[in-house]
Amino acid sequence: MSTGNHRTATIAGLRALADFLEANPAVPVPRSSISITYFPDRADDAGMRAEIDRIAGLLGAEIDPGRLPYSHYRTGLDFGPVRYEALAVLAAARARHEAVTSYEDCILPDTTVNPAHAA
């Protein structure tokens, strides 16, 4: 699907969902906020920050300073409880995540059932 077709389909899908929820008030919606997050293509940090800066300009929004210590470069715009955000996960955050998950295939949980815990 081309970028233009995907964009058109996404917008149509969001409108269809809103119309459906409005027409079916018995269908529950999340009590928490809803986010739609755009992630730029992976590039060097400067390139990804430039893309998020460009989007911040389009939104008329600032960069979220609260996420910078975690190497998440983020901007967004709220529509009530619905948020559109653009987020770049910078190299330092990706490296931390890779370090944390590097052992995950080396640890196997004990899957035997202990009768004392089976109840």
Protein backbone atom coordinates (compact mmCIF):
# COMPACT_ATOMS: atom_id res chain seq x y z
CA MET A 1 0.00 0.00 0.00
CA SER A 2 1.43 3.37 -0.93
CA THR A 3 2.01 6.06 1.69
CA GLY A 4 -0.89 8.13 0.36
CA ASN A 5 -3.25 5.15 0.35
CA HIS A 6 -2.18 4.16 3.86
CA ARG A 7 -2.78 7.71 5.11
CA THR A 8 -6.22 7.82 3.46
CA ALA A 9 -7.10 4.38 4.86
CA THR A 10 -5.94 5.37 8.36
CA ILE A 11 -8.04 8.54 8.37
CA ALA A 12 -11.06 6.65 7.04
CA GLY A 13 -10.58 3.95 9.68
CA LEU A 14 -10.44 6.52 12.49
CA ARG A 15 -13.61 8.18 11.24
CA ALA A 16 -15.35 4.82 10.91
CA LEU A 17 -14.34 3.89 14.45
CA ALA A 18 -15.63 7.23 15.82
CA ASP A 19 -18.91 6.82 13.92
CA PHE A 20 -19.27 3.25 15.17
CA LEU A 21 -18.64 4.21 18.80
CA GLU A 22 -21.06 7.13 18.54
CA ALA A 23 -23.77 4.89 17.04
CA ASN A 24 -23.20 2.13 19.61
CA PRO A 25 -23.06 3.75 23.05
CA ALA A 26 -23.18 0.36 24.80
CA VAL A 27 -19.70 -0.46 23.42
CA PRO A 28 -17.20 0.68 26.07
CA VAL A 29 -14.20 2.88 25.33
CA PRO A 30 -10.95 2.90 27.30
CA ARG A 31 -11.02 4.89 30.53
CA SER A 32 -7.44 5.96 29.92
CA SER A 33 -6.15 8.16 27.14
CA ILE A 34 -5.59 6.81 23.64
CA SER A 35 -2.37 7.50 21.72
CA ILE A 36 -1.51 7.21 18.09
CA THR A 37 2.27 7.18 17.84
CA TYR A 38 4.34 7.81 14.74
CA PHE A 39 7.92 6.50 14.79
CA PRO A 40 10.31 7.90 12.17
CA ASP A 41 12.46 5.53 10.16
CA ARG A 42 15.57 4.60 12.10
CA ALA A 43 18.46 6.88 11.26
CA ASP A 44 21.19 8.58 13.23
CA ASP A 45 19.99 10.58 16.22
CA ALA A 46 20.34 13.93 14.44
CA GLY A 47 18.21 12.73 11.54
CA MET A 48 15.48 11.36 13.78
CA ARG A 49 15.46 14.52 15.93
CA ALA A 50 15.15 16.61 12.76
CA GLU A 51 12.08 14.60 11.72
CA ILE A 52 10.46 15.04 15.14
CA ASP A 53 11.31 18.77 15.07
CA ARG A 54 9.65 19.01 11.64
CA ILE A 55 6.51 17.33 12.97
CA ALA A 56 6.52 19.56 16.08
CA GLY A 57 6.46 22.53 13.72
CA LEU A 58 3.49 21.09 11.81
CA LEU A 59 1.64 20.49 15.09
CA GLY A 60 2.61 23.82 16.63
CA ALA A 61 3.92 21.82 19.59
CA GLU A 62 7.07 21.69 21.68
CA ILE A 63 9.47 18.81 22.31
CA ASP A 64 8.54 17.00 25.56
CA PRO A 65 11.48 17.68 27.92
CA GLY A 66 10.28 15.06 30.41
CA ARG A 67 11.28 12.19 28.12
CA LEU A 68 14.72 13.52 27.15
CA PRO A 69 16.55 11.85 30.09
CA TYR A 70 15.33 8.51 28.70
CA SER A 71 16.58 9.32 25.18
CA HIS A 72 13.03 9.58 23.87
CA TYR A 73 12.62 12.62 21.63
CA ARG A 74 8.88 13.26 21.54
CA THR A 75 6.26 15.79 20.57
CA GLY A 76 2.51 15.57 20.40
CA LEU A 77 -0.87 17.17 20.33
CA ASP A 78 -3.88 16.25 22.47
CA PHE A 79 -7.47 16.06 21.25
CA GLY A 80 -9.23 15.57 24.55
CA PRO A 81 -8.25 12.06 25.75
CA VAL A 82 -6.84 11.20 22.31
CA ARG A 83 -3.21 12.05 21.56
CA TYR A 84 -1.20 12.14 18.34
CA GLU A 85 2.50 11.87 19.07
CA ALA A 86 5.72 11.46 17.17
CA LEU A 87 8.52 9.68 19.01
CA ALA A 88 12.12 8.95 18.15
CA VAL A 89 13.85 6.35 20.32
CA LEU A 90 17.43 7.55 20.24
CA ALA A 91 20.55 5.35 20.11
CA ALA A 92 21.22 5.44 23.87
CA ALA A 93 17.72 4.15 24.67
CA ARG A 94 17.97 1.44 22.01
CA ALA A 95 21.35 0.35 23.43
CA ARG A 96 19.93 0.17 26.98
CA HIS A 97 16.98 -1.89 25.76
CA GLU A 98 19.25 -4.26 23.83
CA ALA A 99 21.47 -4.71 26.91
CA VAL A 100 18.48 -5.49 29.14
CA THR A 101 17.01 -8.00 26.70
CA SER A 102 20.30 -9.61 25.64
CA TYR A 103 19.91 -12.42 28.19
CA GLU A 104 16.22 -13.15 27.69
CA ASP A 105 16.80 -16.38 25.72
CA CYS A 106 19.30 -17.60 28.32
CA ILE A 107 16.82 -17.74 31.17
CA LEU A 108 14.21 -20.49 31.15
CA PRO A 109 11.48 -20.37 33.78
CA ASP A 110 10.63 -23.52 35.69
CA THR A 111 7.30 -24.54 34.15
CA THR A 112 6.68 -27.52 36.40
CA VAL A 113 3.59 -27.15 38.53
CA ASN A 114 4.20 -27.06 42.23
CA PRO A 115 1.13 -28.69 43.84
CA ALA A 116 1.35 -26.18 46.70
CA HIS A 117 0.85 -23.34 44.18
CA ALA A 118 -1.64 -25.07 41.89
CA ALA A 119 -4.70 -23.99 43.85
